């Protein structure tokens, strides 16, 4: 099923998208759609089968437990903030 989507780019993103379109040899619209589909392909999904989900959760519990300090959690939080910042930057 085909859909029509209208996208309004913030002004700071326009030059970057134009550069990507030029590099890929495609239209601005094709570049935007390509980036969107690439990003969506990286979004993790949960299994819909409850038994498969249970198996994956149990697999994640295997191994030795790790004691986390306040500093460990703060470092993890900073890593997550940085990863989010980089993903927002493109």
N, C-alpha and C. Protein backbone atom coordinates (compact mmCIF):
# COMPACT_ATOMS: atom_id res chain seq x y z
N UNK A 1 0.84 -1.17 0.00
CA UNK A 1 0.00 0.00 0.00
C UNK A 1 0.89 1.24 0.00
N UNK A 2 0.71 2.12 -0.93
CA UNK A 2 1.50 3.34 -1.03
C UNK A 2 0.87 4.43 -0.18
N UNK A 3 1.71 5.26 0.38
CA UNK A 3 1.25 6.38 1.20
C UNK A 3 1.99 7.64 0.78
N UNK A 4 1.37 8.76 0.97
CA UNK A 4 2.00 10.04 0.74
C UNK A 4 2.33 10.63 2.11
N UNK A 5 3.59 11.04 2.27
CA UNK A 5 4.03 11.62 3.53
C UNK A 5 4.61 13.00 3.23
N UNK A 6 4.23 13.98 4.01
CA UNK A 6 4.79 15.32 3.89
C UNK A 6 5.78 15.50 5.03
N UNK A 7 7.00 15.87 4.69
CA UNK A 7 8.05 16.07 5.69
C UNK A 7 8.51 17.52 5.64
N UNK A 8 8.52 18.16 6.79
CA UNK A 8 9.05 19.51 6.89
C UNK A 8 10.38 19.42 7.63
N UNK A 9 11.45 19.79 6.94
CA UNK A 9 12.78 19.72 7.54
C UNK A 9 13.10 21.00 8.29
N UNK A 10 13.69 20.88 9.48
CA UNK A 10 14.20 22.08 10.13
C UNK A 10 15.31 22.67 9.25
N UNK A 11 15.40 23.99 9.21
CA UNK A 11 16.38 24.65 8.35
C UNK A 11 17.80 24.10 8.48
N UNK A 12 18.29 23.79 9.70
CA UNK A 12 19.67 23.31 9.79
C UNK A 12 19.90 21.95 9.11
N UNK A 13 18.84 21.16 8.90
CA UNK A 13 19.00 19.85 8.29
C UNK A 13 19.00 19.88 6.77
N UNK A 14 18.44 20.92 6.20
CA UNK A 14 18.30 21.00 4.74
C UNK A 14 19.64 20.85 4.02
N UNK A 15 20.69 21.62 4.39
CA UNK A 15 21.97 21.48 3.67
C UNK A 15 22.56 20.07 3.79
N UNK A 16 22.42 19.46 4.95
CA UNK A 16 22.96 18.10 5.14
C UNK A 16 22.23 17.10 4.26
N UNK A 17 20.92 17.22 4.19
CA UNK A 17 20.15 16.30 3.35
C UNK A 17 20.48 16.52 1.88
N UNK A 18 20.66 17.77 1.48
CA UNK A 18 21.06 18.06 0.10
C UNK A 18 22.41 17.44 -0.22
N UNK A 19 23.34 17.50 0.73
CA UNK A 19 24.67 16.90 0.55
C UNK A 19 24.55 15.37 0.39
N UNK A 20 23.73 14.75 1.22
CA UNK A 20 23.54 13.29 1.14
C UNK A 20 22.92 12.93 -0.20
N UNK A 21 21.93 13.70 -0.64
CA UNK A 21 21.28 13.43 -1.93
C UNK A 21 22.29 13.54 -3.06
N UNK A 22 23.13 14.58 -3.02
CA UNK A 22 24.16 14.77 -4.05
C UNK A 22 25.14 13.60 -4.05
N UNK A 23 25.60 13.21 -2.84
CA UNK A 23 26.56 12.10 -2.72
C UNK A 23 25.99 10.79 -3.25
N UNK A 24 24.71 10.57 -3.03
CA UNK A 24 24.06 9.32 -3.45
C UNK A 24 23.53 9.40 -4.88
N UNK A 25 23.53 10.60 -5.44
CA UNK A 25 23.02 10.76 -6.80
C UNK A 25 21.53 10.55 -6.89
N UNK A 26 20.80 10.99 -5.88
CA UNK A 26 19.35 10.81 -5.85
C UNK A 26 18.69 12.16 -5.54
N UNK A 27 17.37 12.18 -5.67
CA UNK A 27 16.62 13.40 -5.34
C UNK A 27 16.61 13.60 -3.83
N UNK A 28 16.24 14.81 -3.43
CA UNK A 28 16.12 15.13 -2.01
C UNK A 28 15.11 14.20 -1.33
N UNK A 29 14.01 13.94 -2.02
CA UNK A 29 12.98 13.07 -1.46
C UNK A 29 13.48 11.64 -1.30
N UNK A 30 14.21 11.15 -2.31
CA UNK A 30 14.75 9.79 -2.22
C UNK A 30 15.77 9.69 -1.09
N UNK A 31 16.58 10.73 -0.91
CA UNK A 31 17.56 10.72 0.18
C UNK A 31 16.86 10.69 1.52
N UNK A 32 15.81 11.50 1.68
CA UNK A 32 15.07 11.53 2.94
C UNK A 32 14.42 10.18 3.23
N UNK A 33 13.80 9.59 2.21
CA UNK A 33 13.18 8.29 2.38
C UNK A 33 14.22 7.22 2.69
N UNK A 34 15.36 7.27 2.02
CA UNK A 34 16.43 6.31 2.27
C UNK A 34 16.93 6.39 3.70
N UNK A 35 17.14 7.61 4.19
CA UNK A 35 17.61 7.78 5.58
C UNK A 35 16.57 7.29 6.57
N UNK A 36 15.31 7.58 6.29
CA UNK A 36 14.23 7.13 7.17
C UNK A 36 14.16 5.61 7.23
N UNK A 37 14.22 4.95 6.08
CA UNK A 37 14.14 3.49 6.08
C UNK A 37 15.39 2.87 6.70
N UNK A 38 16.55 3.48 6.51
CA UNK A 38 17.77 2.97 7.15
C UNK A 38 17.64 3.05 8.67
N UNK A 39 17.11 4.18 9.15
CA UNK A 39 16.95 4.36 10.60
C UNK A 39 15.94 3.37 11.16
N UNK A 40 14.82 3.19 10.44
CA UNK A 40 13.80 2.26 10.92
C UNK A 40 14.30 0.82 10.92
N UNK A 41 15.19 0.49 10.01
CA UNK A 41 15.72 -0.88 9.96
C UNK A 41 16.58 -1.17 11.17
N UNK A 42 17.10 -0.14 11.84
CA UNK A 42 17.96 -0.34 13.00
C UNK A 42 17.19 -0.38 14.31
N UNK A 43 15.89 -0.10 14.26
CA UNK A 43 15.09 -0.09 15.48
C UNK A 43 14.86 -1.54 15.93
N UNK A 44 15.31 -1.87 17.14
CA UNK A 44 15.11 -3.25 17.59
C UNK A 44 13.63 -3.54 17.83
N UNK A 45 13.26 -4.76 17.60
CA UNK A 45 11.87 -5.17 17.85
C UNK A 45 11.86 -6.32 18.84
N UNK A 46 10.79 -6.41 19.58
CA UNK A 46 10.62 -7.51 20.52
C UNK A 46 9.92 -8.66 19.82
N UNK A 47 10.27 -9.87 20.20
CA UNK A 47 9.55 -11.01 19.62
C UNK A 47 8.08 -10.94 19.99
N UNK A 48 7.21 -11.31 19.06
CA UNK A 48 5.78 -11.32 19.36
C UNK A 48 5.35 -12.62 20.02
N UNK A 49 6.14 -13.66 19.86
CA UNK A 49 5.85 -14.94 20.48
C UNK A 49 6.30 -14.89 21.95
N UNK A 50 5.37 -15.03 22.90
CA UNK A 50 5.74 -14.94 24.32
C UNK A 50 6.83 -15.94 24.72
N UNK A 51 6.80 -17.12 24.13
CA UNK A 51 7.81 -18.12 24.48
C UNK A 51 9.19 -17.70 23.98
N UNK A 52 9.25 -17.14 22.79
CA UNK A 52 10.52 -16.65 22.26
C UNK A 52 11.05 -15.49 23.12
N UNK A 53 10.17 -14.61 23.53
CA UNK A 53 10.56 -13.49 24.39
C UNK A 53 11.12 -14.02 25.71
N UNK A 54 10.44 -15.02 26.29
CA UNK A 54 10.92 -15.62 27.55
C UNK A 54 12.31 -16.21 27.36
N UNK A 55 12.53 -16.93 26.25
CA UNK A 55 13.85 -17.53 25.99
C UNK A 55 14.93 -16.46 25.88
N UNK A 56 14.61 -15.37 25.18
CA UNK A 56 15.60 -14.31 25.02
C UNK A 56 15.89 -13.60 26.34
N UNK A 57 14.86 -13.41 27.16
CA UNK A 57 15.08 -12.81 28.47
C UNK A 57 15.93 -13.72 29.35
N UNK A 58 15.66 -15.01 29.33
CA UNK A 58 16.45 -15.96 30.12
C UNK A 58 17.90 -15.99 29.64
N UNK A 59 18.10 -15.91 28.35
CA UNK A 59 19.45 -15.87 27.79
C UNK A 59 20.21 -14.65 28.31
N UNK A 60 19.51 -13.54 28.44
CA UNK A 60 20.13 -12.32 28.95
C UNK A 60 20.52 -12.41 30.41
N UNK A 61 19.89 -13.34 31.14
CA UNK A 61 20.21 -13.51 32.56
C UNK A 61 21.37 -14.47 32.81
N UNK A 62 21.84 -15.13 31.76
CA UNK A 62 22.96 -16.05 31.94
C UNK A 62 24.24 -15.28 32.18
N UNK A 63 25.19 -15.92 32.82
CA UNK A 63 26.47 -15.27 33.06
C UNK A 63 26.60 -14.80 34.50
N UNK A 64 27.75 -14.28 34.79
CA UNK A 64 28.04 -13.82 36.14
C UNK A 64 27.41 -12.45 36.39
N UNK A 65 26.84 -12.24 37.58
CA UNK A 65 26.30 -10.92 37.89
C UNK A 65 27.44 -9.91 38.05
N UNK A 66 27.13 -8.67 37.78
CA UNK A 66 28.12 -7.60 37.91
C UNK A 66 27.61 -6.61 38.94
N UNK A 67 28.46 -6.32 39.91
CA UNK A 67 28.11 -5.32 40.92
C UNK A 67 28.39 -3.94 40.32
N UNK A 68 27.37 -3.08 40.35
CA UNK A 68 27.50 -1.75 39.76
C UNK A 68 27.58 -0.71 40.87
N UNK A 69 28.55 0.18 40.74
CA UNK A 69 28.68 1.29 41.69
C UNK A 69 27.92 2.49 41.14
N UNK A 70 27.78 3.52 41.97
CA UNK A 70 27.14 4.75 41.54
C UNK A 70 27.90 5.33 40.34
N UNK A 71 29.23 5.25 40.39
CA UNK A 71 30.05 5.76 39.29
C UNK A 71 29.78 4.98 38.00
N UNK A 72 29.60 3.67 38.12
CA UNK A 72 29.28 2.85 36.94
C UNK A 72 27.98 3.33 36.30
N UNK A 73 26.96 3.56 37.12
CA UNK A 73 25.66 3.99 36.61
C UNK A 73 25.75 5.38 36.00
N UNK A 74 26.53 6.26 36.63
CA UNK A 74 26.70 7.61 36.08
C UNK A 74 27.42 7.55 34.73
N UNK A 75 28.44 6.67 34.62
CA UNK A 75 29.15 6.52 33.36
C UNK A 75 28.21 5.98 32.28
N UNK A 76 27.40 4.98 32.64
CA UNK A 76 26.43 4.42 31.70
C UNK A 76 25.44 5.51 31.25
N UNK A 77 24.99 6.33 32.18
CA UNK A 77 24.05 7.40 31.84
C UNK A 77 24.70 8.37 30.85
N UNK A 78 25.96 8.75 31.10
CA UNK A 78 26.67 9.65 30.19
C UNK A 78 26.85 9.02 28.82
N UNK A 79 27.17 7.73 28.78
CA UNK A 79 27.31 7.03 27.49
C UNK A 79 25.99 7.07 26.72
N UNK A 80 24.89 6.85 27.41
CA UNK A 80 23.58 6.87 26.76
C UNK A 80 23.25 8.27 26.25
N UNK A 81 23.55 9.29 27.05
CA UNK A 81 23.30 10.67 26.63
C UNK A 81 24.14 10.99 25.39
N UNK A 82 25.41 10.59 25.38
CA UNK A 82 26.27 10.84 24.23
C UNK A 82 25.79 10.09 22.98
N UNK A 83 25.37 8.83 23.15
CA UNK A 83 24.87 8.06 22.02
C UNK A 83 23.61 8.72 21.44
N UNK A 84 22.74 9.19 22.33
CA UNK A 84 21.52 9.87 21.88
C UNK A 84 21.88 11.16 21.15
N UNK A 85 22.84 11.92 21.70
CA UNK A 85 23.26 13.18 21.07
C UNK A 85 23.82 12.92 19.68
N UNK A 86 24.66 11.87 19.54
CA UNK A 86 25.24 11.53 18.23
C UNK A 86 24.15 11.10 17.24
N UNK A 87 23.17 10.33 17.73
CA UNK A 87 22.12 9.87 16.82
C UNK A 87 21.25 11.04 16.36
N UNK A 88 21.05 12.04 17.21
CA UNK A 88 20.27 13.20 16.83
C UNK A 88 21.04 14.08 15.85
N UNK A 89 22.38 14.04 15.93
CA UNK A 89 23.20 14.87 15.05
C UNK A 89 23.26 14.29 13.64
N UNK A 90 22.92 13.03 13.52
CA UNK A 90 22.89 12.44 12.19
C UNK A 90 23.96 11.46 12.03
